[in-house]
Amino acid sequence: MNWSLLIRLVVLALLVAFLVTPQSFAFLLEPLTKNGQPAIYDRASLLSLTLSHLAITFAATFAATIVAVGLAILVTRPFGAEFLPLSRSLANIGQTFPPVAVLALAVPILGFGTAPTLVALFLYGLLPIFENSLTGLTTLPPAVTEAARGMGMTGTQRLVRVELPLALPVILGGVRLSTVISLATATIGSTVAAPTLGEVIIAGLTASNTALVLQGGVIVAVLAVLIYDGLSALEKFLTARTGRAQQEAAA
C-alpha cells in the first residue's frame, strides 16, 4: 500500500470537509480564541475564498507560462539569440520588485481588486518558468534533434513535435515552483481588496484572533503541498515517458 498517497488523500478529504462545513471543526479552534471571538471566519465563505484564491493563482501562472515559454522559444532560435539578455532582464523584473511594491504601483492604474494581484503574481512567476524553459530547450540530446533534422522536419515541426515534448518535464518544474510561490504570495492580494485567503489571515491579525490566522495559513499551506506533490508526480511521469521516447529515437 502506498502510505504516502493515502496520507495525501486523507489530508485532501479533511481540507474539503473543512471548507464545506467549517463549523464542524470549530471546537478544535475555539481554544485559540478569546472574549467570544469567532473560531471560524464568517464574513465570507471559506470555500468561495479558496476557489477565488486558486483561480487568481492559476490565471497568473498560466499567463506567466505563456509569456515565459514564448520568450524561451524566441531566444533559443537563431534569429532571437541576441534577445537573451533582454529577455532575462524582463523575467528578473518580478523578482527584483517585491509583490507589495507592484501592488502599490498597479492600484492607481488598475484600481482595487483582482487585477493588481494578477499583475504582481504574473511578474513574480516569470523567472522560474523562463529559466527552466531555457534549460529544457538548450539541453536537448543532440542525437534526437539531429534525427529530427534527418527526417526532413522543418524548424516549427521540430519545435512542436520534438523539442517542446522533450523539454516539457523541465518546463513543468518551473511551472510547479511558480505556482507554489504564487499561491503563497496571493494572500497579500487581500490588502488591495482581492478575494483571497489573505482576507482570513488579515482579519485574524487585526482582531488578534489566532484561530483565524491559523485556519487561513493552514489552508494555503495544505493547498501548496498538495499542488506541489501533484505537479511533481506529473513531472516524474513525463520524465519517464520522455526517457522512453529518447531511447526509441536513439534506437
Protein backbone atom coordinates (compact mmCIF):
# COMPACT_ATOMS: atom_id res chain seq x y z
CA MET A 1 0.00 0.00 0.00
CA ASN A 2 1.22 3.48 -0.89
CA TRP A 3 1.00 5.17 2.50
CA SER A 4 2.22 8.50 1.14
CA LEU A 5 -0.66 8.64 -1.35
CA LEU A 6 -3.13 7.54 1.31
CA ILE A 7 -2.00 10.32 3.66
CA ARG A 8 -2.39 12.89 0.88
CA LEU A 9 -5.89 11.67 0.10
CA VAL A 10 -6.85 11.87 3.77
CA VAL A 11 -5.46 15.41 4.02
CA LEU A 12 -7.36 16.39 0.86
CA ALA A 13 -10.58 14.90 2.24
CA LEU A 14 -10.15 16.78 5.53
CA LEU A 15 -9.48 20.02 3.67
CA VAL A 16 -12.61 19.62 1.54
CA ALA A 17 -14.66 18.78 4.63
CA PHE A 18 -13.35 21.86 6.44
CA LEU A 19 -14.11 24.15 3.51
CA VAL A 20 -17.61 22.76 3.01
CA THR A 21 -18.62 22.52 6.69
CA PRO A 22 -16.14 24.67 8.65
CA GLN A 23 -18.40 24.96 11.69
CA SER A 24 -17.94 21.21 12.26
CA PHE A 25 -14.31 21.94 13.14
CA ALA A 26 -15.00 24.98 15.33
CA PHE A 27 -14.43 23.04 18.54
CA LEU A 28 -10.79 22.47 17.53
CA LEU A 29 -10.12 26.18 17.08
CA GLU A 30 -12.17 27.61 19.97
CA PRO A 31 -9.29 27.22 22.49
CA LEU A 32 -7.32 29.70 20.36
CA THR A 33 -9.96 32.43 20.65
CA LYS A 34 -10.70 34.85 23.48
CA ASN A 35 -13.52 37.11 24.62
CA GLY A 36 -16.13 35.36 22.50
CA GLN A 37 -14.29 35.76 19.21
CA PRO A 38 -15.50 33.56 16.34
CA ALA A 39 -13.47 30.40 15.83
CA ILE A 40 -14.36 30.24 12.14
CA TYR A 41 -14.16 33.11 9.68
CA ASP A 42 -17.75 34.13 8.98
CA ARG A 43 -17.55 37.29 6.85
CA ALA A 44 -17.35 35.22 3.66
CA SER A 45 -17.45 31.58 2.66
CA LEU A 46 -14.10 29.85 3.13
CA LEU A 47 -14.90 27.68 0.12
CA SER A 48 -15.54 30.68 -2.15
CA LEU A 49 -12.39 32.44 -0.92
CA THR A 50 -10.35 29.29 -1.56
CA LEU A 51 -11.74 28.87 -5.08
CA SER A 52 -11.10 32.55 -5.81
CA HIS A 53 -7.56 32.25 -4.42
CA LEU A 54 -6.88 29.25 -6.65
CA ALA A 55 -8.41 30.93 -9.71
CA ILE A 56 -6.22 34.02 -9.30
CA THR A 57 -3.12 31.86 -8.80
CA PHE A 58 -3.78 29.62 -11.81
CA ALA A 59 -4.70 32.55 -14.07
CA ALA A 60 -1.48 34.41 -13.23
CA THR A 61 0.61 31.24 -13.59
CA PHE A 62 -0.99 30.40 -16.94
CA ALA A 63 -0.24 33.87 -18.29
CA ALA A 64 3.32 33.72 -16.94
CA THR A 65 3.80 30.30 -18.56
CA ILE A 66 2.65 31.52 -21.98
CA VAL A 67 4.95 34.56 -21.89
CA ALA A 68 7.97 32.82 -20.31
CA VAL A 69 7.88 29.80 -22.63
CA GLY A 70 7.35 32.12 -25.59
CA LEU A 71 10.43 34.15 -24.62
CA ALA A 72 12.47 30.97 -24.12
CA ILE A 73 11.48 29.73 -27.57
CA LEU A 74 12.36 33.10 -29.09
CA VAL A 75 15.85 33.30 -27.61
CA THR A 76 16.70 29.69 -28.49
CA ARG A 77 16.04 30.32 -32.20
CA PRO A 78 18.94 31.63 -34.33
CA PHE A 79 17.08 34.87 -35.13
CA GLY A 80 16.30 35.58 -31.45
CA ALA A 81 19.52 34.63 -29.67
CA GLU A 82 20.58 38.28 -29.36
CA PHE A 83 17.48 38.98 -27.25
CA LEU A 84 18.55 36.58 -24.46
CA PRO A 85 20.00 39.28 -22.15
CA LEU A 86 16.91 41.46 -22.61
CA SER A 87 14.53 38.54 -22.04
CA ARG A 88 16.39 37.50 -18.90
CA SER A 89 16.22 41.06 -17.60
CA LEU A 90 12.47 41.18 -18.23
CA ALA A 91 11.98 37.87 -16.42
CA ASN A 92 14.01 39.18 -13.48
CA ILE A 93 11.79 42.24 -13.04
CA GLY A 94 9.22 40.35 -10.99
CA GLN A 95 11.87 39.04 -8.60
CA THR A 96 13.52 42.46 -8.33
CA PHE A 97 10.34 44.29 -7.29
CA PRO A 98 8.56 42.90 -4.20
CA PRO A 99 4.91 42.00 -4.87
CA VAL A 100 3.81 44.63 -2.37
CA ALA A 101 5.60 47.30 -4.39
CA VAL A 102 3.99 46.04 -7.61
CA LEU A 103 0.58 46.24 -5.94
CA ALA A 104 1.27 49.79 -4.79
CA LEU A 105 2.22 50.81 -8.34
CA ALA A 106 -0.64 48.92 -10.01
CA VAL A 107 -3.52 50.13 -7.81
CA PRO A 108 -3.51 53.76 -9.08
CA ILE A 109 -3.69 52.41 -12.66
CA LEU A 110 -5.91 49.33 -12.32
CA GLY A 111 -7.83 50.17 -9.16
CA PHE A 112 -8.51 47.91 -6.22
CA GLY A 113 -9.48 44.27 -6.66
CA THR A 114 -8.13 41.25 -8.51
CA ALA A 115 -6.30 43.00 -11.38
CA PRO A 116 -3.31 44.37 -9.39
CA THR A 117 -2.85 40.98 -7.74
CA LEU A 118 -2.81 39.24 -11.12
CA VAL A 119 -0.13 41.64 -12.36
CA ALA A 120 2.04 41.11 -9.27
CA LEU A 121 1.76 37.31 -9.43
CA PHE A 122 2.35 37.29 -13.19
CA LEU A 123 5.60 39.24 -12.84
CA TYR A 124 6.69 37.22 -9.81
CA GLY A 125 6.14 33.91 -11.61
CA LEU A 126 8.04 34.68 -14.83
CA LEU A 127 11.61 33.91 -13.76
CA PRO A 128 11.41 30.24 -12.68
CA ILE A 129 9.37 29.28 -15.74
CA PHE A 130 11.64 31.19 -18.12
CA GLU A 131 14.85 29.75 -16.69
CA ASN A 132 13.52 26.18 -16.69
CA SER A 133 12.17 26.57 -20.22
CA LEU A 134 15.54 27.90 -21.35
CA THR A 135 17.32 24.99 -19.69
CA GLY A 136 14.94 22.44 -21.18
CA LEU A 137 15.26 23.80 -24.72
CA THR A 138 19.06 24.18 -24.65
CA THR A 139 19.95 20.78 -23.15
CA LEU A 140 18.17 18.52 -25.63
CA PRO A 141 20.05 15.37 -26.70
CA PRO A 142 21.90 16.23 -29.95
CA ALA A 143 21.21 12.77 -31.35
CA VAL A 144 17.46 13.31 -31.12
CA THR A 145 17.49 16.77 -32.70
CA GLU A 146 19.79 15.57 -35.48
CA ALA A 147 17.48 12.63 -36.13
CA ALA A 148 14.57 15.10 -36.46
CA ARG A 149 16.55 17.14 -38.99
CA GLY A 150 17.45 13.97 -40.85
CA MET A 151 13.76 13.15 -41.18
CA GLY A 152 13.27 16.43 -43.01
CA MET A 153 11.32 18.22 -40.28
CA THR A 154 11.05 21.98 -40.51
CA GLY A 155 12.07 24.20 -37.61
CA THR A 156 8.45 24.55 -36.49
CA GLN A 157 7.86 20.81 -36.72
CA ARG A 158 10.98 20.09 -34.66
CA LEU A 159 9.87 22.60 -32.04
CA VAL A 160 6.32 21.25 -31.72
CA ARG A 161 6.97 17.52 -32.17
CA VAL A 162 10.43 17.08 -30.63
CA GLU A 163 11.83 19.99 -28.64
CA LEU A 164 8.82 21.05 -26.56
CA PRO A 165 7.74 17.47 -25.68
CA LEU A 166 11.29 16.62 -24.56
CA ALA A 167 11.66 19.87 -22.60
CA LEU A 168 8.20 19.61 -21.04
CA PRO A 169 9.28 17.90 -17.77
CA VAL A 170 11.86 20.63 -17.12
CA ILE A 171 9.38 23.37 -18.05
CA LEU A 172 6.83 21.82 -15.71
CA GLY A 173 9.37 22.03 -12.89
CA GLY A 174 9.42 25.80 -13.34
CA VAL A 175 5.63 25.94 -13.53
CA ARG A 176 5.43 23.93 -10.29
CA LEU A 177 7.75 26.33 -8.48
CA SER A 178 5.96 29.37 -9.87
CA THR A 179 2.55 28.01 -8.88
CA VAL A 180 3.56 27.36 -5.27
CA ILE A 181 5.22 30.77 -4.96
CA SER A 182 2.15 32.48 -6.41
CA LEU A 183 -0.20 30.50 -4.18
CA ALA A 184 1.54 31.78 -1.07
CA THR A 185 2.09 35.30 -2.41
CA ALA A 186 -1.56 35.68 -3.47
CA THR A 187 -2.52 36.19 0.17
CA ILE A 188 -1.22 39.77 0.02
CA GLY A 189 -3.83 40.48 -2.65
CA SER A 190 -6.37 40.97 0.10
CA THR A 191 -4.61 44.20 1.04
CA VAL A 192 -6.00 45.64 -2.20
CA ALA A 193 -9.44 44.01 -1.87
CA ALA A 194 -8.74 40.87 -3.94
CA PRO A 195 -10.84 37.92 -2.70
CA THR A 196 -8.12 35.60 -1.42
CA LEU A 197 -7.43 33.63 1.75
CA GLY A 198 -5.30 36.53 2.90
CA GLU A 199 -8.60 38.11 3.93
CA VAL A 200 -8.92 35.49 6.68
CA ILE A 201 -5.34 35.98 7.85
CA ILE A 202 -5.59 39.78 7.88
CA ALA A 203 -8.88 39.62 9.80
CA GLY A 204 -7.20 37.40 12.38
CA LEU A 205 -4.19 39.68 12.72
CA THR A 206 -6.40 42.76 13.05
CA ALA A 207 -8.53 41.19 15.77
CA SER A 208 -5.67 39.28 17.43
CA ASN A 209 -7.61 36.11 16.67
CA THR A 210 -5.13 33.24 16.39
CA ALA A 211 -7.82 30.85 15.18
CA LEU A 212 -8.45 32.89 12.03
CA VAL A 213 -4.75 33.34 11.31
CA LEU A 214 -4.18 29.61 11.74
CA GLN A 215 -7.04 28.47 9.52
CA GLY A 216 -6.11 30.85 6.72
CA GLY A 217 -2.45 29.87 6.89
CA VAL A 218 -3.14 26.15 7.11
CA ILE A 219 -5.48 26.16 4.10
CA VAL A 220 -2.85 27.91 1.97
CA ALA A 221 -0.10 25.58 3.23
CA VAL A 222 -2.10 22.41 2.57
CA LEU A 223 -3.06 23.61 -0.91
CA ALA A 224 0.59 24.40 -1.66
CA VAL A 225 1.77 20.95 -0.55
CA LEU A 226 -0.96 19.10 -2.46
CA ILE A 227 -0.44 21.09 -5.67
CA TYR A 228 3.34 20.71 -5.38
CA ASP A 229 3.03 16.95 -4.93
CA GLY A 230 0.54 16.66 -7.78
CA LEU A 231 2.73 18.57 -10.21
CA SER A 232 5.80 16.62 -9.03
CA ALA A 233 4.03 13.36 -9.82
CA LEU A 234 3.11 14.67 -13.28
CA GLU A 235 6.69 15.81 -13.82
CA LYS A 236 8.04 12.33 -12.92
CA PHE A 237 5.55 10.70 -15.29
CA LEU A 238 6.56 12.99 -18.15
CA THR A 239 10.26 12.47 -17.39
CA ALA A 240 9.83 8.69 -17.58
CA ARG A 241 7.87 8.97 -20.83
CA THR A 242 10.46 11.33 -22.29
CA GLY A 243 13.24 8.89 -21.36
CA ARG A 244 11.48 6.10 -23.21
CA ALA A 245 10.96 8.35 -26.24
CA GLN A 246 14.66 9.23 -26.31
CA GLN A 247 15.65 5.58 -26.15
CA GLU A 248 13.30 4.72 -29.01
CA ALA A 249 14.65 7.63 -31.09
CA ALA A 250 18.25 6.57 -30.43
CA ALA A 251 17.43 3.01 -31.43
